[in-house]
Amino acid sequence: MTVGPFHRLPSATTADDTAKTLSARLHDLASRVQCCATPMSGEVVRLEIDVEPTDILLWLRGAPAGTRRYFRDRSSKLEVAGIGIARRALFGEHETLRMARASTEGSREPIHFTAQPFDATRARDAAWNAFEESSCVLPLVEFRREGERHLIAVNLIEDNAREEIVCLLARLAEPSRVCVVEPALIRESDGDGEARWTRAVRAGLDEIRAGTLRKIVLARTRRYLASGALDPVAVLSRLASRELRGFRFLVEVGEGRAFLGVTPERLVSRTGRVARSEAVAGTRPRGVDAVADRLLGESLLASQKDRREHEFVVERVREALVSCSTSLRVDAEPRLLRLAYVQHLATRVQAELRAGTSDTDLVRLLHPTPAVAGAPIVPAIQALRAYEPFDRGLYAGPIGVVSRDGAEIAVAIRSARLDGDALVAFAGAGIVEGSDPAEEWRETGHKLLAFERLAT
């Protein structure tokens, strides 16, 4: 298959025409970088240009590997790709970065990519070490789509080396035409995984019956080996082609080393002082036909066990946002959120935030929700450290994009870590009174179907 960073558009404009136009714009941007004044400390000079409509994910695949990042919201209104690193920061420092007057007139606020671990205090497995500095990253080059508008920007801060940026733009301006053969994926045996899972579920149920917990969300992994090195952008593209709904994300920390996925769950979205969150918990598979699908959905809505699991999450989200808002609106009843392979109960929550509430405050209050940890939160996390034989790393942590204007942060489930020719996928299930270990194991299997399809 022949691929490159530009796709054929449905209009009279061809992919080659788009490539030439975009190439010229990138060369123009490189010229501006060379003559731009050096930013002052704590400022960013943002040079921004509008470009022709372009397939951003395909464009990203043709970009130099190693520091690529990507995020698309569930509604597909916002899509952002990043290449290179202008600066690394602690989460929250994005709110203090100022745009310099030398920035292009009318420039958008710079976007930082954020990826935070599920349990920041747990000792990291060696496989996650390279992801430690991914908490808040401002890319050197940003390709953004907001609605129908496409733009490319360069973010310059005081310490950036201009020559490296100009060279990067020159590489991006060269259309890539390479023959790509996707490696075949082979699933490794789960071994005694189900037996270990059963023991963990029973231990969790013992704590629920003892009154220590009301819910615990246990996760497991499944490992796949490829016949060659995996391109993270290609893997994400294949996932996205099968799961059209969901937040798409990619964090690349070295060539062939990445964390990616397509998640259904929003942690928090902020526009100005309006915040939106949601509870997503309770699961059924999709049906083989419309009738079966409807019956499975009705079964989920009627299930007392699933409604109880779901209400734990609603309660937690409501309590978290009440503490920082002047008004709150919660759906009276959950609705069905239908995805490619599973369907969930979902309840939306909207808050008018108090003045001074930051993105850091919102993430601190909301993460982790009972949908990925359990309830109560603190003893649930302590139990997970005891019962899960692996470090979740970024799995089930906050992931998304943030700026001074707003934030869109998802929960990094339905995800996998790539390391060369290996892919490790993650899936979890909520355990409450009445849970059956075998049924919960099958539920995680349904959630892993997106990755199973990559192996077929």
Protein backbone atom coordinates (compact mmCIF):
# COMPACT_ATOMS: atom_id res chain seq x y z
CA MET A 1 0.00 0.00 0.00
CA THR A 2 1.35 3.45 -0.91
CA VAL A 3 0.93 6.05 1.77
CA GLY A 4 2.12 9.55 2.53
CA PRO A 5 1.18 12.53 4.64
CA PHE A 6 -1.58 13.71 2.28
CA HIS A 7 -4.78 12.01 1.15
CA ARG A 8 -6.94 12.51 -1.95
CA LEU A 9 -9.61 15.08 -1.19
CA PRO A 10 -13.17 14.73 -2.45
CA SER A 11 -12.93 18.02 -4.40
CA ALA A 12 -11.07 18.79 -7.62
CA THR A 13 -7.95 19.48 -5.55
CA THR A 14 -5.66 16.44 -5.70
CA ALA A 15 -3.40 15.09 -2.98
CA ASP A 16 -0.34 16.22 -4.95
CA ASP A 17 -1.77 19.76 -5.27
CA THR A 18 -2.40 19.82 -1.52
CA ALA A 19 1.12 18.54 -0.87
CA LYS A 20 2.63 21.32 -2.97
CA THR A 21 0.53 23.97 -1.25
CA LEU A 22 1.33 22.67 2.22
CA SER A 23 5.01 22.34 1.34
CA ALA A 24 5.15 25.98 0.28
CA ARG A 25 3.41 27.06 3.47
CA LEU A 26 5.88 25.12 5.60
CA HIS A 27 8.83 26.75 3.79
CA ASP A 28 7.21 30.13 4.44
CA LEU A 29 6.86 29.23 8.12
CA ALA A 30 10.55 28.24 8.26
CA SER A 31 11.51 31.66 6.88
CA ARG A 32 9.48 33.36 9.61
CA VAL A 33 11.20 31.26 12.27
CA GLN A 34 14.62 32.41 11.08
CA CYS A 35 13.83 36.10 11.39
CA CYS A 36 11.63 35.99 14.50
CA ALA A 37 12.73 37.76 17.69
CA THR A 38 13.77 35.61 20.66
CA PRO A 39 10.95 35.25 23.21
CA MET A 40 11.40 36.52 26.73
CA SER A 41 11.48 34.07 29.64
CA GLY A 42 8.02 32.65 30.33
CA GLU A 43 6.70 33.62 26.90
CA VAL A 44 6.01 31.75 23.69
CA VAL A 45 6.17 33.25 20.22
CA ARG A 46 3.59 31.43 18.13
CA LEU A 47 3.86 31.60 14.34
CA GLU A 48 0.67 30.31 12.76
CA ILE A 49 -0.57 29.78 9.19
CA ASP A 50 -3.80 28.44 7.70
CA VAL A 51 -3.40 25.45 5.36
CA GLU A 52 -5.50 23.38 2.99
CA PRO A 53 -7.73 20.64 4.47
CA THR A 54 -5.46 17.66 5.13
CA ASP A 55 -5.75 14.22 6.71
CA ILE A 56 -3.84 15.07 9.90
CA LEU A 57 -3.34 11.49 11.09
CA LEU A 58 -1.98 10.45 7.71
CA TRP A 59 0.25 13.55 7.65
CA LEU A 60 1.55 12.60 11.10
CA ARG A 61 2.47 9.15 9.86
CA GLY A 62 4.85 10.72 7.36
CA ALA A 63 6.49 12.89 10.05
CA PRO A 64 9.77 12.00 11.80
CA ALA A 65 9.17 9.36 14.46
CA GLY A 66 10.07 9.68 18.11
CA THR A 67 8.13 12.65 19.54
CA ARG A 68 4.77 12.52 17.77
CA ARG A 69 1.59 13.25 19.69
CA TYR A 70 -2.06 13.25 18.66
CA PHE A 71 -5.50 13.87 20.14
CA ARG A 72 -8.98 14.05 18.64
CA ASP A 73 -12.10 14.70 20.65
CA ARG A 74 -15.11 12.38 20.52
CA SER A 75 -17.20 14.75 18.39
CA SER A 76 -14.32 15.28 15.92
CA LYS A 77 -14.59 19.07 16.30
CA LEU A 78 -11.00 19.34 17.57
CA GLU A 79 -8.03 17.40 16.24
CA VAL A 80 -4.40 18.18 17.11
CA ALA A 81 -1.07 16.64 16.14
CA GLY A 82 2.26 17.64 17.63
CA ILE A 83 5.86 17.00 16.56
CA GLY A 84 8.96 17.79 18.56
CA ILE A 85 9.09 19.31 22.04
CA ALA A 86 9.31 23.06 22.66
CA ARG A 87 9.15 22.55 26.42
CA ARG A 88 8.18 20.04 29.09
CA ALA A 89 6.22 21.34 32.05
CA LEU A 90 4.38 20.22 35.11
CA PHE A 91 0.64 19.95 34.61
CA GLY A 92 -0.85 23.35 35.41
CA GLU A 93 2.08 25.38 34.11
CA HIS A 94 0.26 25.71 30.78
CA GLU A 95 -1.96 28.24 32.55
CA THR A 96 1.00 30.57 33.19
CA LEU A 97 2.58 30.55 29.71
CA ARG A 98 2.05 33.86 27.90
CA MET A 99 2.00 34.57 24.17
CA ALA A 100 4.45 37.27 23.14
CA ARG A 101 3.42 40.26 21.03
CA ALA A 102 5.67 38.91 18.27
CA SER A 103 3.21 36.06 17.71
CA THR A 104 1.20 35.95 14.50
CA GLU A 105 -1.82 38.25 14.78
CA GLY A 106 -4.94 36.31 15.70
CA SER A 107 -2.99 33.23 16.80
CA ARG A 108 -4.75 30.57 18.84
CA GLU A 109 -3.56 29.90 22.38
CA PRO A 110 -0.81 27.23 22.40
CA ILE A 111 -1.98 23.71 23.19
CA HIS A 112 -0.13 21.41 25.58
CA PHE A 113 -0.53 17.64 25.38
CA THR A 114 -1.01 16.00 28.76
CA ALA A 115 -0.66 12.35 29.80
CA GLN A 116 -0.64 11.46 33.49
CA PRO A 117 -0.30 8.11 35.27
CA PHE A 118 -3.26 6.42 36.87
CA ASP A 119 -1.45 6.10 40.21
CA ALA A 120 1.35 8.66 40.50
CA THR A 121 2.65 7.28 43.80
CA ARG A 122 3.05 3.66 42.70
CA ALA A 123 6.56 2.55 41.74
CA ARG A 124 6.90 2.53 37.96
CA ASP A 125 7.55 -0.64 35.99
CA ALA A 126 10.64 -0.22 33.81
CA ALA A 127 8.47 -0.34 30.66
CA TRP A 128 6.88 2.99 31.67
CA ASN A 129 10.10 4.85 32.56
CA ALA A 130 10.32 6.65 29.21
CA PHE A 131 6.83 8.11 29.73
CA GLU A 132 7.69 9.85 33.00
CA GLU A 133 8.14 13.28 31.37
CA SER A 134 4.90 13.29 29.39
CA SER A 135 2.73 15.11 31.92
CA CYS A 136 2.54 18.39 29.96
CA VAL A 137 4.29 18.92 26.62
CA LEU A 138 4.21 21.93 24.29
CA PRO A 139 5.07 20.70 20.77
CA LEU A 140 7.48 22.50 18.48
CA VAL A 141 5.16 22.06 15.51
CA GLU A 142 1.39 21.84 15.94
CA PHE A 143 -1.13 20.85 13.27
CA ARG A 144 -4.64 21.71 14.44
CA ARG A 145 -8.13 21.33 13.00
CA GLU A 146 -10.99 23.22 14.63
CA GLY A 147 -14.18 22.47 12.76
CA GLU A 148 -13.27 23.04 9.11
CA ARG A 149 -10.27 25.27 9.75
CA HIS A 150 -6.80 23.68 9.44
CA LEU A 151 -3.67 25.44 10.67
CA ILE A 152 -0.02 24.74 11.37
CA ALA A 153 1.93 26.59 14.05
CA VAL A 154 5.45 26.73 15.44
CA ASN A 155 5.85 27.40 19.17
CA LEU A 156 9.10 29.21 20.03
CA ILE A 157 10.35 29.66 23.57
CA GLU A 158 13.58 31.16 24.87
CA ASP A 159 15.76 28.03 24.69
CA ASN A 160 14.64 26.64 21.31
CA ALA A 161 17.38 26.06 18.73
CA ARG A 162 16.21 27.76 15.52
CA GLU A 163 18.34 25.60 13.22
CA GLU A 164 16.72 22.41 14.50
CA ILE A 165 13.24 23.85 13.97
CA VAL A 166 14.03 24.97 10.42
CA CYS A 167 15.41 21.51 9.63
CA LEU A 168 12.28 19.88 11.06
CA LEU A 169 10.02 22.10 8.95
CA ALA A 170 12.10 21.29 5.87
CA ARG A 171 11.62 17.56 6.50
CA LEU A 172 7.88 18.03 6.99
CA ALA A 173 7.71 19.96 3.71
CA GLU A 174 8.94 16.92 1.77
CA PRO A 175 6.01 14.63 0.86
CA SER A 176 6.75 11.06 1.89
CA ARG A 177 5.93 8.20 -0.45
CA VAL A 178 6.83 4.85 1.07
CA CYS A 179 5.62 1.30 0.56
CA VAL A 180 4.29 0.02 3.89
CA VAL A 181 3.44 -3.57 4.78
CA GLU A 182 1.58 -3.76 8.07
CA PRO A 183 3.16 -6.36 10.40
CA ALA A 184 0.97 -9.29 11.39
CA LEU A 185 0.03 -9.47 15.09
CA ILE A 186 -0.03 -12.73 17.03
CA ARG A 187 -1.66 -12.93 20.46
CA GLU A 188 0.38 -14.57 23.18
CA SER A 189 -1.35 -17.09 25.42
CA ASP A 190 -3.05 -15.71 28.52
CA GLY A 191 -1.48 -18.62 30.41
CA ASP A 192 -2.83 -18.70 33.95
CA GLY A 193 -4.23 -15.19 33.51
CA GLU A 194 -7.84 -16.18 34.10
CA ALA A 195 -6.93 -18.10 37.27
CA ARG A 196 -5.06 -15.06 38.63
CA TRP A 197 -7.98 -12.84 37.62
CA THR A 198 -10.43 -15.09 39.46
CA ARG A 199 -8.35 -14.91 42.63
CA ALA A 200 -8.18 -11.10 42.40
CA VAL A 201 -11.94 -10.77 41.82
CA ARG A 202 -12.71 -13.02 44.78
CA ALA A 203 -10.33 -11.01 46.98
CA GLY A 204 -12.10 -7.82 45.90
CA LEU A 205 -15.51 -9.35 46.64
CA ASP A 206 -14.26 -10.34 50.12
CA GLU A 207 -13.40 -6.68 50.78
CA ILE A 208 -16.81 -5.58 49.50
CA ARG A 209 -18.58 -8.03 51.81
CA ALA A 210 -16.40 -6.89 54.72
CA GLY A 211 -17.49 -3.31 54.06
CA THR A 212 -14.00 -2.00 53.13
CA LEU A 213 -15.05 -1.36 49.52
CA ARG A 214 -18.27 -0.86 47.61
CA LYS A 215 -16.60 -1.37 44.22
CA ILE A 216 -13.18 -2.18 42.76
CA VAL A 217 -12.16 -1.92 39.10
CA LEU A 218 -9.62 -4.60 38.27
CA ALA A 219 -7.63 -4.58 35.03
CA ARG A 220 -5.62 -7.11 33.08
CA THR A 221 -3.25 -7.10 30.13
CA ARG A 222 -2.96 -9.03 26.91
CA ARG A 223 0.28 -9.13 24.92
CA TYR A 224 0.69 -9.35 21.14
CA LEU A 225 3.86 -9.83 19.11
CA ALA A 226 4.25 -8.45 15.59
CA SER A 227 6.23 -9.79 12.66
CA GLY A 228 8.08 -6.46 12.49
CA ALA A 229 8.37 -3.07 14.14
CA LEU A 230 5.00 -1.39 14.75
CA ASP A 231 4.33 2.19 13.64
CA PRO A 232 2.23 3.75 16.43
CA VAL A 233 0.41 6.10 14.04
CA ALA A 234 -0.49 3.19 11.77
CA VAL A 235 -1.81 1.18 14.72
CA LEU A 236 -3.91 4.12 15.90
CA SER A 237 -5.25 4.63 12.37
CA ARG A 238 -6.37 1.00 12.22
CA LEU A 239 -8.04 1.25 15.63
CA ALA A 240 -9.78 4.49 14.66
CA SER A 241 -11.10 2.99 11.40
CA ARG A 242 -13.00 0.35 13.41
CA GLU A 243 -14.07 2.53 16.36
CA LEU A 244 -15.47 5.74 14.88
CA ARG A 245 -16.71 7.11 18.21
CA GLY A 246 -14.30 7.93 20.98
CA PHE A 247 -11.37 10.13 21.93
CA ARG A 248 -8.25 9.20 19.97
CA PHE A 249 -4.82 9.69 21.50
CA LEU A 250 -1.15 8.97 20.94
CA VAL A 251 1.95 9.67 23.04
CA GLU A 252 5.22 8.68 21.38
CA VAL A 253 8.40 8.77 23.51
CA GLY A 254 10.89 7.19 21.13
CA GLU A 255 10.92 5.40 17.81
CA GLY A 256 8.49 2.49 18.13
CA ARG A 257 7.68 3.34 21.76
CA ALA A 258 4.23 4.78 22.38
CA PHE A 259 0.96 4.69 24.29
CA LEU A 260 -2.25 4.98 22.27
CA GLY A 261 -5.92 4.18 22.16
CA VAL A 262 -9.52 5.13 21.39
CA THR A 263 -11.43 5.74 24.62
CA PRO A 264 -15.16 6.35 25.14
CA GLU A 265 -14.74 8.17 28.43
CA ARG A 266 -14.34 11.89 29.11
CA LEU A 267 -12.77 12.98 32.38
CA VAL A 268 -13.44 16.70 31.96
CA SER A 269 -13.96 19.25 29.21
CA ARG A 270 -13.61 22.96 29.99
CA THR A 271 -14.57 25.95 27.87
CA GLY A 272 -13.95 29.12 29.81
CA ARG A 273 -15.76 28.57 33.12
CA VAL A 274 -18.07 25.79 31.90
CA ALA A 275 -16.96 22.24 32.68
CA ARG A 276 -18.47 18.99 31.42
CA SER A 277 -17.83 15.54 32.79
CA GLU A 278 -19.63 12.22 32.72
CA ALA A 279 -20.06 8.85 34.34
CA VAL A 280 -19.43 5.84 32.07
CA ALA A 281 -19.87 2.47 33.77
CA GLY A 282 -21.87 -0.70 33.16
CA THR A 283 -21.20 -2.74 30.03
CA ARG A 284 -22.80 -5.10 27.54
CA PRO A 285 -21.43 -6.36 24.19
CA ARG A 286 -23.00 -5.19 20.95
CA GLY A 287 -25.54 -7.51 19.38
CA VAL A 288 -25.07 -9.49 16.17
CA ASP A 289 -28.11 -7.71 14.70
CA ALA A 290 -30.43 -4.81 15.53
CA VAL A 291 -32.82 -6.91 17.61
CA ALA A 292 -30.06 -8.54 19.68
CA ASP A 293 -28.39 -5.17 20.13
CA ARG A 294 -31.60 -3.58 21.41
CA LEU A 295 -32.23 -6.44 23.84
CA LEU A 296 -28.69 -6.23 25.21
CA GLY A 297 -29.12 -2.47 25.69
CA GLU A 298 -32.44 -2.96 27.48
CA SER A 299 -30.83 -5.60 29.67
CA LEU A 300 -28.10 -3.14 30.63
CA LEU A 301 -30.58 -0.38 31.46
CA ALA A 302 -32.62 -2.77 33.60
CA SER A 303 -29.69 -4.39 35.42
CA GLN A 304 -29.63 -3.48 39.14
CA LYS A 305 -26.01 -4.63 39.40
CA ASP A 306 -24.90 -2.37 36.54
CA ARG A 307 -27.05 0.56 37.70
CA ARG A 308 -25.49 0.28 41.16
CA GLU A 309 -21.98 0.24 39.67
CA HIS A 310 -22.87 3.22 37.52
CA GLU A 311 -24.37 5.25 40.36
CA PHE A 312 -21.09 5.06 42.31
CA VAL A 313 -19.46 7.00 39.47
CA VAL A 314 -22.30 9.53 39.16
CA GLU A 315 -22.16 10.19 42.89
CA ARG A 316 -18.39 10.77 42.83
CA VAL A 317 -18.47 13.11 39.80
CA ARG A 318 -21.34 15.10 41.32
CA GLU A 319 -19.53 15.48 44.66
CA ALA A 320 -16.27 16.50 42.97
CA LEU A 321 -17.83 19.26 40.85
CA VAL A 322 -20.16 20.59 43.57
CA SER A 323 -17.07 21.64 45.51
CA CYS A 324 -15.84 23.98 42.73
CA SER A 325 -19.02 25.14 40.96
CA THR A 326 -21.82 27.66 41.36
CA SER A 327 -24.38 25.47 39.59
CA LEU A 328 -24.59 21.85 38.50
CA ARG A 329 -26.77 19.92 36.07
CA VAL A 330 -26.90 16.09 36.03
CA ASP A 331 -28.88 13.84 33.67
CA ALA A 332 -31.87 12.36 35.50
CA GLU A 333 -31.31 8.92 33.93
CA PRO A 334 -28.38 7.23 32.20
CA ARG A 335 -28.42 6.79 28.45
CA LEU A 336 -26.76 4.14 26.30
CA LEU A 337 -23.38 4.97 24.81
CA ARG A 338 -22.98 2.54 21.91
CA LEU A 339 -19.49 1.83 20.55
CA ALA A 340 -18.20 -0.62 17.96
CA TYR A 341 -17.83 -3.62 20.28
CA VAL A 342 -19.53 -2.69 23.57
CA GLN A 343 -22.23 -0.40 24.96
CA HIS A 344 -22.19 1.46 28.28
CA LEU A 345 -24.42 3.37 30.64
CA ALA A 346 -23.52 7.07 30.48
CA THR A 347 -24.67 10.08 32.53
CA ARG A 348 -23.64 13.65 31.64
CA VAL A 349 -22.73 16.32 34.19
CA GLN A 350 -22.26 20.05 33.51
CA ALA A 351 -20.97 22.68 35.94
CA GLU A 352 -20.56 26.45 36.01
CA LEU A 353 -17.17 26.81 37.68
CA ARG A 354 -16.26 29.22 40.43
CA ALA A 355 -13.77 31.92 39.44
CA GLY A 356 -10.20 30.75 39.88
CA THR A 357 -10.90 27.03 39.36
CA SER A 358 -7.98 25.63 37.35
CA ASP A 359 -7.54 22.55 35.18
CA THR A 360 -5.26 21.24 37.92
CA ASP A 361 -8.14 21.56 40.40
CA LEU A 362 -10.54 19.74 38.07
CA VAL A 363 -8.19 16.81 37.44
CA ARG A 364 -7.30 16.55 41.13
CA LEU A 365 -10.98 16.44 42.10
CA LEU A 366 -12.16 14.07 39.38
CA HIS A 367 -9.30 11.60 38.89
CA PRO A 368 -9.58 8.72 39.42
CA THR A 369 -13.30 8.12 39.14
CA PRO A 370 -14.93 4.93 40.46
CA ALA A 371 -15.24 3.91 36.78
CA VAL A 372 -11.51 3.08 36.71
CA ALA A 373 -10.60 2.67 40.40
CA GLY A 374 -13.55 1.79 42.61
CA ALA A 375 -15.25 3.21 45.68
CA PRO A 376 -14.29 4.58 48.08
CA ILE A 377 -11.35 5.83 46.05
CA VAL A 378 -8.46 5.65 48.53
CA PRO A 379 -9.01 2.07 49.78
CA ALA A 380 -9.79 1.00 46.19
CA ILE A 381 -6.40 2.25 44.96
CA GLN A 382 -4.68 0.55 47.90
CA ALA A 383 -6.42 -2.70 46.99
CA LEU A 384 -5.38 -2.35 43.34
CA ARG A 385 -1.72 -2.10 44.39
CA ALA A 386 -2.16 -5.40 46.20
CA TYR A 387 -4.24 -7.32 43.65
CA GLU A 388 -3.01 -6.11 40.23
CA PRO A 389 0.36 -7.68 39.36
CA PHE A 390 1.42 -4.82 37.06
CA ASP A 391 1.85 -1.06 37.04
CA ARG A 392 -0.92 0.60 35.03
CA GLY A 393 1.34 3.50 34.05
CA LEU A 394 -0.68 5.80 31.77
CA TYR A 395 -3.51 3.30 31.41
CA ALA A 396 -6.75 4.77 32.90
CA GLY A 397 -4.97 8.07 33.61
CA PRO A 398 -5.94 11.56 32.38
CA ILE A 399 -4.95 12.18 28.74
CA GLY A 400 -5.76 15.05 26.39
CA VAL A 401 -4.98 18.65 25.49
CA VAL A 402 -5.07 21.84 27.55
CA SER A 403 -4.66 25.56 26.95
CA ARG A 404 -5.54 28.80 28.72
CA ASP A 405 -8.83 28.87 26.76
CA GLY A 406 -9.99 25.37 27.57
CA ALA A 407 -9.26 21.70 28.08
CA GLU A 408 -10.38 18.34 26.74
CA ILE A 409 -9.16 15.49 28.92
CA ALA A 410 -10.23 11.89 28.48
CA VAL A 411 -9.64 8.74 30.54
CA ALA A 412 -7.01 6.57 28.84
CA ILE A 413 -8.85 3.24 28.68
CA ARG A 414 -9.20 0.96 25.59
CA SER A 415 -5.48 1.54 25.21
CA ALA A 416 -2.17 -0.17 24.61
CA ARG A 417 1.56 0.38 25.06
CA LEU A 418 3.87 -0.28 22.10
CA ASP A 419 7.50 -1.25 22.41
CA GLY A 420 9.07 -2.11 19.07
CA ASP A 421 7.39 -5.30 17.90
CA ALA A 422 5.30 -5.82 21.05
CA LEU A 423 1.86 -4.46 21.91
CA VAL A 424 0.44 -4.73 25.44
CA ALA A 425 -3.30 -3.97 25.62
CA PHE A 426 -5.23 -3.16 28.80
CA ALA A 427 -8.83 -3.78 29.84
CA GLY A 428 -10.72 -3.57 33.13
CA ALA A 429 -14.06 -4.41 34.72
CA GLY A 430 -15.96 -3.03 37.70
CA ILE A 431 -16.47 -5.51 40.53
CA VAL A 432 -19.46 -5.02 42.86
CA GLU A 433 -21.55 -7.33 45.01
CA GLY A 434 -23.03 -9.90 42.65
CA SER A 435 -20.10 -9.90 40.19
CA ASP A 436 -19.04 -13.26 38.77
CA PRO A 437 -15.31 -13.71 37.94
CA ALA A 438 -16.02 -15.61 34.70
CA GLU A 439 -18.54 -13.00 33.50
CA GLU A 440 -16.13 -10.15 34.29
CA TRP A 441 -13.32 -11.96 32.44
CA ARG A 442 -15.59 -12.19 29.39
CA GLU A 443 -16.40 -8.47 29.72
CA THR A 444 -12.70 -7.58 29.53
CA GLY A 445 -12.49 -9.83 26.49
CA HIS A 446 -15.20 -7.77 24.77
CA LYS A 447 -13.26 -4.60 25.58
CA LEU A 448 -10.11 -6.10 24.02
CA LEU A 449 -11.88 -6.88 20.74
CA ALA A 450 -10.51 -3.72 19.09
CA PHE A 451 -7.00 -5.12 19.52
CA GLU A 452 -8.08 -8.66 18.66
CA ARG A 453 -9.27 -7.35 15.30
CA LEU A 454 -5.79 -5.99 14.61
CA ALA A 455 -4.50 -9.56 14.86
CA THR A 456 -6.95 -10.87 12.23
